[in-house]
């Protein structure tokens, strides 16, 4: 049986939502489904929902490492607003 969706994304946190957004921009003809464990958005159990954010700086690309190392100061600014 064929799937009615072109893409299935598991998790609607920051990465899942971002992936869906960028897929919709680059492939406007695609149908995209997002599955998450919660029926509410944002999911209160998600790692990106509260103040306990995890920032990984272990990337094979130096550019991404630098971005990850700069991220905490921007998250601190967001949490103050």
PDB file of N, CA and C in Angstrom:
ATOM      1  N   UNK A   1       0.839  -1.176   0.000  1.00  0.00           N
ATOM      2  CA  UNK A   1       0.000   0.000   0.000  1.00  0.00           C
ATOM      3  C   UNK A   1       0.888   1.245   0.000  1.00  0.00           C
ATOM      4  N   UNK A   2       0.621   2.153  -0.860  1.00  0.00           N
ATOM      5  CA  UNK A   2       1.413   3.380  -0.963  1.00  0.00           C
ATOM      6  C   UNK A   2       1.013   4.368   0.126  1.00  0.00           C
ATOM      7  N   UNK A   3       1.993   5.092   0.590  1.00  0.00           N
ATOM      8  CA  UNK A   3       1.741   6.110   1.607  1.00  0.00           C
ATOM      9  C   UNK A   3       1.148   7.359   0.954  1.00  0.00           C
ATOM     10  N   UNK A   4       0.185   8.005   1.620  1.00  0.00           N
ATOM     11  CA  UNK A   4      -0.365   9.245   1.066  1.00  0.00           C
ATOM     12  C   UNK A   4       0.582  10.435   1.260  1.00  0.00           C
ATOM     13  N   UNK A   5       1.678  10.224   1.993  1.00  0.00           N
ATOM     14  CA  UNK A   5       2.605  11.312   2.288  1.00  0.00           C
ATOM     15  C   UNK A   5       3.933  11.114   1.567  1.00  0.00           C
ATOM     16  N   UNK A   6       4.503  12.213   1.122  1.00  0.00           N
ATOM     17  CA  UNK A   6       5.835  12.173   0.517  1.00  0.00           C
ATOM     18  C   UNK A   6       6.900  12.037   1.595  1.00  0.00           C
ATOM     19  N   UNK A   7       6.652  12.677   2.757  1.00  0.00           N
ATOM     20  CA  UNK A   7       7.614  12.675   3.860  1.00  0.00           C
ATOM     21  C   UNK A   7       6.869  12.463   5.162  1.00  0.00           C
ATOM     22  N   UNK A   8       7.478  11.679   6.036  1.00  0.00           N
ATOM     23  CA  UNK A   8       6.962  11.472   7.382  1.00  0.00           C
ATOM     24  C   UNK A   8       8.060  11.886   8.350  1.00  0.00           C
ATOM     25  N   UNK A   9       7.761  12.856   9.186  1.00  0.00           N
ATOM     26  CA  UNK A   9       8.726  13.373  10.159  1.00  0.00           C
ATOM     27  C   UNK A   9       8.274  12.943  11.545  1.00  0.00           C
ATOM     28  N   UNK A  10       9.164  12.325  12.280  1.00  0.00           N
ATOM     29  CA  UNK A  10       8.860  11.873  13.635  1.00  0.00           C
ATOM     30  C   UNK A  10       9.380  12.919  14.609  1.00  0.00           C
ATOM     31  N   UNK A  11       8.478  13.539  15.338  1.00  0.00           N
ATOM     32  CA  UNK A  11       8.826  14.564  16.315  1.00  0.00           C
ATOM     33  C   UNK A  11       8.553  15.959  15.779  1.00  0.00           C
ATOM     34  N   UNK A  12       7.798  16.727  16.550  1.00  0.00           N
ATOM     35  CA  UNK A  12       7.445  18.081  16.111  1.00  0.00           C
ATOM     36  C   UNK A  12       8.142  19.155  16.942  1.00  0.00           C
ATOM     37  N   UNK A  13       9.300  18.786  17.477  1.00  0.00           N
ATOM     38  CA  UNK A  13      10.091  19.782  18.198  1.00  0.00           C
ATOM     39  C   UNK A  13      10.763  20.732  17.212  1.00  0.00           C
ATOM     40  N   UNK A  14      11.784  21.398  17.661  1.00  0.00           N
ATOM     41  CA  UNK A  14      12.471  22.382  16.831  1.00  0.00           C
ATOM     42  C   UNK A  14      12.989  21.765  15.538  1.00  0.00           C
ATOM     43  N   UNK A  15      13.639  20.618  15.634  1.00  0.00           N
ATOM     44  CA  UNK A  15      14.212  20.014  14.426  1.00  0.00           C
ATOM     45  C   UNK A  15      13.136  19.471  13.495  1.00  0.00           C
ATOM     46  N   UNK A  16      12.119  18.828  14.048  1.00  0.00           N
ATOM     47  CA  UNK A  16      11.043  18.299  13.214  1.00  0.00           C
ATOM     48  C   UNK A  16      10.257  19.397  12.528  1.00  0.00           C
ATOM     49  N   UNK A  17       9.903  20.443  13.277  1.00  0.00           N
ATOM     50  CA  UNK A  17       9.164  21.565  12.691  1.00  0.00           C
ATOM     51  C   UNK A  17       9.999  22.292  11.648  1.00  0.00           C
ATOM     52  N   UNK A  18      11.277  22.471  11.933  1.00  0.00           N
ATOM     53  CA  UNK A  18      12.167  23.124  10.975  1.00  0.00           C
ATOM     54  C   UNK A  18      12.313  22.288   9.703  1.00  0.00           C
ATOM     55  N   UNK A  19      12.443  20.980   9.872  1.00  0.00           N
ATOM     56  CA  UNK A  19      12.551  20.098   8.717  1.00  0.00           C
ATOM     57  C   UNK A  19      11.291  20.187   7.856  1.00  0.00           C
ATOM     58  N   UNK A  20      10.133  20.161   8.491  1.00  0.00           N
ATOM     59  CA  UNK A  20       8.871  20.258   7.750  1.00  0.00           C
ATOM     60  C   UNK A  20       8.764  21.599   7.027  1.00  0.00           C
ATOM     61  N   UNK A  21       9.131  22.650   7.696  1.00  0.00           N
ATOM     62  CA  UNK A  21       9.072  23.986   7.083  1.00  0.00           C
ATOM     63  C   UNK A  21       9.960  24.063   5.840  1.00  0.00           C
ATOM     64  N   UNK A  22      11.209  23.637   5.988  1.00  0.00           N
ATOM     65  CA  UNK A  22      12.142  23.734   4.866  1.00  0.00           C
ATOM     66  C   UNK A  22      11.776  22.776   3.729  1.00  0.00           C
ATOM     67  N   UNK A  23      11.238  21.606   4.063  1.00  0.00           N
ATOM     68  CA  UNK A  23      10.747  20.711   3.018  1.00  0.00           C
ATOM     69  C   UNK A  23       9.590  21.354   2.260  1.00  0.00           C
ATOM     70  N   UNK A  24       8.700  22.023   2.979  1.00  0.00           N
ATOM     71  CA  UNK A  24       7.555  22.659   2.311  1.00  0.00           C
ATOM     72  C   UNK A  24       8.000  23.778   1.386  1.00  0.00           C
ATOM     73  N   UNK A  25       9.089  24.444   1.728  1.00  0.00           N
ATOM     74  CA  UNK A  25       9.611  25.521   0.872  1.00  0.00           C
ATOM     75  C   UNK A  25      10.356  24.955  -0.337  1.00  0.00           C
ATOM     76  N   UNK A  26      11.139  23.899  -0.124  1.00  0.00           N
ATOM     77  CA  UNK A  26      11.937  23.364  -1.230  1.00  0.00           C
ATOM     78  C   UNK A  26      11.153  22.379  -2.104  1.00  0.00           C
ATOM     79  N   UNK A  27      10.107  21.781  -1.564  1.00  0.00           N
ATOM     80  CA  UNK A  27       9.280  20.815  -2.313  1.00  0.00           C
ATOM     81  C   UNK A  27       7.806  21.149  -2.102  1.00  0.00           C
ATOM     82  N   UNK A  28       7.323  22.255  -2.668  1.00  0.00           N
ATOM     83  CA  UNK A  28       5.943  22.677  -2.393  1.00  0.00           C
ATOM     84  C   UNK A  28       4.878  21.673  -2.827  1.00  0.00           C
ATOM     85  N   UNK A  29       5.224  20.764  -3.752  1.00  0.00           N
ATOM     86  CA  UNK A  29       4.259  19.763  -4.215  1.00  0.00           C
ATOM     87  C   UNK A  29       4.176  18.562  -3.270  1.00  0.00           C
ATOM     88  N   UNK A  30       5.085  18.453  -2.318  1.00  0.00           N
ATOM     89  CA  UNK A  30       5.139  17.309  -1.411  1.00  0.00           C
ATOM     90  C   UNK A  30       4.063  17.410  -0.335  1.00  0.00           C
ATOM     91  N   UNK A  31       3.626  16.260   0.121  1.00  0.00           N
ATOM     92  CA  UNK A  31       2.735  16.216   1.287  1.00  0.00           C
ATOM     93  C   UNK A  31       3.567  15.730   2.470  1.00  0.00           C
ATOM     94  N   UNK A  32       3.459  16.448   3.575  1.00  0.00           N
ATOM     95  CA  UNK A  32       4.329  16.205   4.728  1.00  0.00           C
ATOM     96  C   UNK A  32       3.472  15.897   5.946  1.00  0.00           C
ATOM     97  N   UNK A  33       3.799  14.822   6.641  1.00  0.00           N
ATOM     98  CA  UNK A  33       3.120  14.469   7.886  1.00  0.00           C
ATOM     99  C   UNK A  33       4.134  14.527   9.016  1.00  0.00           C
ATOM    100  N   UNK A  34       3.689  15.050  10.157  1.00  0.00           N
ATOM    101  CA  UNK A  34       4.531  15.097  11.359  1.00  0.00           C
ATOM    102  C   UNK A  34       3.813  14.319  12.453  1.00  0.00           C
ATOM    103  N   UNK A  35       4.509  13.352  13.036  1.00  0.00           N
ATOM    104  CA  UNK A  35       3.967  12.585  14.156  1.00  0.00           C
ATOM    105  C   UNK A  35       4.708  12.963  15.427  1.00  0.00           C
ATOM    106  N   UNK A  36       3.959  13.121  16.501  1.00  0.00           N
ATOM    107  CA  UNK A  36       4.574  13.448  17.775  1.00  0.00           C
ATOM    108  C   UNK A  36       3.855  12.692  18.876  1.00  0.00           C
ATOM    109  N   UNK A  37       4.496  12.519  20.003  1.00  0.00           N
ATOM    110  CA  UNK A  37       3.896  11.782  21.115  1.00  0.00           C
ATOM    111  C   UNK A  37       2.826  12.589  21.839  1.00  0.00           C
ATOM    112  N   UNK A  38       2.781  13.879  21.616  1.00  0.00           N
ATOM    113  CA  UNK A  38       1.830  14.735  22.302  1.00  0.00           C
ATOM    114  C   UNK A  38       0.770  15.246  21.339  1.00  0.00           C
ATOM    115  N   UNK A  39      -0.432  15.443  21.848  1.00  0.00           N
ATOM    116  CA  UNK A  39      -1.489  16.017  21.015  1.00  0.00           C
ATOM    117  C   UNK A  39      -1.480  17.543  21.070  1.00  0.00           C
ATOM    118  N   UNK A  40      -0.681  18.119  21.973  1.00  0.00           N
ATOM    119  CA  UNK A  40      -0.591  19.583  22.061  1.00  0.00           C
ATOM    120  C   UNK A  40       0.721  20.053  21.451  1.00  0.00           C
ATOM    121  N   UNK A  41       0.724  21.291  21.016  1.00  0.00           N
ATOM    122  CA  UNK A  41       1.944  21.866  20.439  1.00  0.00           C
ATOM    123  C   UNK A  41       2.193  23.199  21.121  1.00  0.00           C
ATOM    124  N   UNK A  42       3.373  23.456  21.624  1.00  0.00           N
ATOM    125  CA  UNK A  42       4.503  22.536  21.666  1.00  0.00           C
ATOM    126  C   UNK A  42       4.324  21.495  22.758  1.00  0.00           C
ATOM    127  N   UNK A  43       4.990  20.400  22.584  1.00  0.00           N
ATOM    128  CA  UNK A  43       4.928  19.310  23.549  1.00  0.00           C
ATOM    129  C   UNK A  43       5.714  19.703  24.800  1.00  0.00           C
ATOM    130  N   UNK A  44       5.082  19.673  25.947  1.00  0.00           N
ATOM    131  CA  UNK A  44       5.762  20.061  27.184  1.00  0.00           C
ATOM    132  C   UNK A  44       6.883  19.090  27.563  1.00  0.00           C
ATOM    133  N   UNK A  45       6.909  17.912  26.954  1.00  0.00           N
ATOM    134  CA  UNK A  45       7.963  16.940  27.229  1.00  0.00           C
ATOM    135  C   UNK A  45       9.179  17.097  26.313  1.00  0.00           C
ATOM    136  N   UNK A  46       9.060  17.946  25.312  1.00  0.00           N
ATOM    137  CA  UNK A  46      10.140  18.088  24.327  1.00  0.00           C
ATOM    138  C   UNK A  46      11.362  18.762  24.939  1.00  0.00           C
ATOM    139  N   UNK A  47      12.523  18.365  24.465  1.00  0.00           N
ATOM    140  CA  UNK A  47      13.773  18.936  24.972  1.00  0.00           C
ATOM    141  C   UNK A  47      13.874  20.427  24.679  1.00  0.00           C
ATOM    142  N   UNK A  48      13.236  20.890  23.633  1.00  0.00           N
ATOM    143  CA  UNK A  48      13.348  22.304  23.254  1.00  0.00           C
ATOM    144  C   UNK A  48      12.245  23.169  23.859  1.00  0.00           C
ATOM    145  N   UNK A  49      11.407  22.607  24.721  1.00  0.00           N
ATOM    146  CA  UNK A  49      10.264  23.362  25.252  1.00  0.00           C
ATOM    147  C   UNK A  49      10.587  24.159  26.515  1.00  0.00           C
ATOM    148  N   UNK A  50      11.453  23.676  27.349  1.00  0.00           N
ATOM    149  CA  UNK A  50      11.687  24.345  28.622  1.00  0.00           C
ATOM    150  C   UNK A  50      13.079  24.974  28.678  1.00  0.00           C
ATOM    151  N   UNK A  51      13.545  25.222  29.865  1.00  0.00           N
ATOM    152  CA  UNK A  51      14.846  25.864  30.046  1.00  0.00           C
ATOM    153  C   UNK A  51      16.017  24.883  29.985  1.00  0.00           C
ATOM    154  N   UNK A  52      15.733  23.602  29.912  1.00  0.00           N
ATOM    155  CA  UNK A  52      16.778  22.582  29.883  1.00  0.00           C
ATOM    156  C   UNK A  52      17.153  22.234  28.448  1.00  0.00           C
ATOM    157  N   UNK A  53      17.625  23.201  27.735  1.00  0.00           N
ATOM    158  CA  UNK A  53      17.965  22.994  26.333  1.00  0.00           C
ATOM    159  C   UNK A  53      19.331  22.317  26.203  1.00  0.00           C
ATOM    160  N   UNK A  54      19.440  21.444  25.239  1.00  0.00           N
ATOM    161  CA  UNK A  54      20.689  20.749  24.984  1.00  0.00           C
ATOM    162  C   UNK A  54      21.270  21.290  23.696  1.00  0.00           C
ATOM    163  N   UNK A  55      22.496  21.738  23.753  1.00  0.00           N
ATOM    164  CA  UNK A  55      23.174  22.258  22.571  1.00  0.00           C
ATOM    165  C   UNK A  55      24.375  21.378  22.304  1.00  0.00           C
ATOM    166  N   UNK A  56      24.350  20.733  21.172  1.00  0.00           N
ATOM    167  CA  UNK A  56      25.423  19.817  20.798  1.00  0.00           C
ATOM    168  C   UNK A  56      26.410  20.575  19.919  1.00  0.00           C
ATOM    169  N   UNK A  57      27.680  20.541  20.255  1.00  0.00           N
ATOM    170  CA  UNK A  57      28.709  21.238  19.471  1.00  0.00           C
ATOM    171  C   UNK A  57      29.644  20.250  18.787  1.00  0.00           C
ATOM    172  N   UNK A  58      29.240  18.997  18.697  1.00  0.00           N
ATOM    173  CA  UNK A  58      30.078  17.965  18.079  1.00  0.00           C
ATOM    174  C   UNK A  58      29.597  17.714  16.652  1.00  0.00           C
ATOM    175  N   UNK A  59      30.121  18.487  15.726  1.00  0.00           N
ATOM    176  CA  UNK A  59      29.769  18.361  14.316  1.00  0.00           C
ATOM    177  C   UNK A  59      31.040  18.163  13.502  1.00  0.00           C
ATOM    178  N   UNK A  60      30.917  17.535  12.378  1.00  0.00           N
ATOM    179  CA  UNK A  60      32.052  17.342  11.488  1.00  0.00           C
ATOM    180  C   UNK A  60      32.422  18.595  10.713  1.00  0.00           C
ATOM    181  N   UNK A  61      31.557  19.583  10.759  1.00  0.00           N
ATOM    182  CA  UNK A  61      31.763  20.828  10.028  1.00  0.00           C
ATOM    183  C   UNK A  61      32.050  21.943  11.032  1.00  0.00           C
ATOM    184  N   UNK A  62      33.161  22.644  10.867  1.00  0.00           N
ATOM    185  CA  UNK A  62      33.557  23.691  11.823  1.00  0.00           C
ATOM    186  C   UNK A  62      32.525  24.813  11.905  1.00  0.00           C
ATOM    187  N   UNK A  63      31.868  25.115  10.806  1.00  0.00           N
ATOM    188  CA  UNK A  63      30.851  26.169  10.801  1.00  0.00           C
ATOM    189  C   UNK A  63      29.737  25.850  11.794  1.00  0.00           C
ATOM    190  N   UNK A  64      29.234  24.595  11.777  1.00  0.00           N
ATOM    191  CA  UNK A  64      28.172  24.201  12.695  1.00  0.00           C
ATOM    192  C   UNK A  64      28.654  24.183  14.144  1.00  0.00           C
ATOM    193  N   UNK A  65      29.893  23.800  14.358  1.00  0.00           N
ATOM    194  CA  UNK A  65      30.453  23.836  15.713  1.00  0.00           C
ATOM    195  C   UNK A  65      30.439  25.259  16.257  1.00  0.00           C
ATOM    196  N   UNK A  66      30.877  26.211  15.442  1.00  0.00           N
ATOM    197  CA  UNK A  66      30.893  27.617  15.871  1.00  0.00           C
ATOM    198  C   UNK A  66      29.485  28.121  16.163  1.00  0.00           C
ATOM    199  N   UNK A  67      28.523  27.768  15.314  1.00  0.00           N
ATOM    200  CA  UNK A  67      27.135  28.188  15.567  1.00  0.00           C
ATOM    201  C   UNK A  67      26.617  27.612  16.879  1.00  0.00           C
ATOM    202  N   UNK A  68      26.902  26.334  17.122  1.00  0.00           N
ATOM    203  CA  UNK A  68      26.437  25.697  18.353  1.00  0.00           C
ATOM    204  C   UNK A  68      27.057  26.335  19.583  1.00  0.00           C
ATOM    205  N   UNK A  69      28.304  26.743  19.485  1.00  0.00           N
ATOM    206  CA  UNK A  69      28.961  27.373  20.629  1.00  0.00           C
ATOM    207  C   UNK A  69      28.438  28.785  20.880  1.00  0.00           C
ATOM    208  N   UNK A  70      27.905  29.440  19.856  1.00  0.00           N
ATOM    209  CA  UNK A  70      27.315  30.773  20.017  1.00  0.00           C
ATOM    210  C   UNK A  70      25.866  30.718  20.490  1.00  0.00           C
ATOM    211  N   UNK A  71      25.200  29.598  20.302  1.00  0.00           N
ATOM    212  CA  UNK A  71      23.772  29.472  20.591  1.00  0.00           C
ATOM    213  C   UNK A  71      23.376  29.813  22.028  1.00  0.00           C
ATOM    214  N   UNK A  72      24.135  29.433  23.059  1.00  0.00           N
ATOM    215  CA  UNK A  72      23.678  29.708  24.429  1.00  0.00           C
ATOM    216  C   UNK A  72      23.395  31.185  24.709  1.00  0.00           C
ATOM    217  N   UNK A  73      24.181  32.090  24.173  1.00  0.00           N
ATOM    218  CA  UNK A  73      23.921  33.501  24.462  1.00  0.00           C
ATOM    219  C   UNK A  73      22.597  33.961  23.844  1.00  0.00           C
ATOM    220  N   UNK A  74      22.237  33.404  22.680  1.00  0.00           N
ATOM    221  CA  UNK A  74      20.971  33.770  22.060  1.00  0.00           C
ATOM    222  C   UNK A  74      19.786  33.138  22.809  1.00  0.00           C
ATOM    223  N   UNK A  75      19.971  31.918  23.287  1.00  0.00           N
ATOM    224  CA  UNK A  75      18.925  31.286  24.089  1.00  0.00           C
ATOM    225  C   UNK A  75      18.708  32.058  25.399  1.00  0.00           C
ATOM    226  N   UNK A  76      19.776  32.538  25.990  1.00  0.00           N
ATOM    227  CA  UNK A  76      19.647  33.333  27.214  1.00  0.00           C
ATOM    228  C   UNK A  76      18.840  34.595  26.937  1.00  0.00           C
ATOM    229  N   UNK A  77      19.102  35.248  25.814  1.00  0.00           N
ATOM    230  CA  UNK A  77      18.327  36.431  25.438  1.00  0.00           C
ATOM    231  C   UNK A  77      16.857  36.098  25.242  1.00  0.00           C
ATOM    232  N   UNK A  78      16.564  34.969  24.590  1.00  0.00           N
ATOM    233  CA  UNK A  78      15.177  34.568  24.366  1.00  0.00           C
ATOM    234  C   UNK A  78      14.460  34.280  25.674  1.00  0.00           C
ATOM    235  N   UNK A  79      15.151  33.646  26.604  1.00  0.00           N
ATOM    236  CA  UNK A  79      14.532  33.289  27.875  1.00  0.00           C
ATOM    237  C   UNK A  79      14.236  34.506  28.736  1.00  0.00           C
ATOM    238  N   UNK A  80      14.868  35.630  28.459  1.00  0.00           N
ATOM    239  CA  UNK A  80      14.609  36.852  29.234  1.00  0.00           C
ATOM    240  C   UNK A  80      13.388  37.602  28.746  1.00  0.00           C
ATOM    241  N   UNK A  81      12.894  37.268  27.572  1.00  0.00           N
ATOM    242  CA  UNK A  81      11.735  37.993  27.003  1.00  0.00           C
ATOM    243  C   UNK A  81      10.448  37.268  27.227  1.00  0.00           C
TER     244      UNK A  81
END
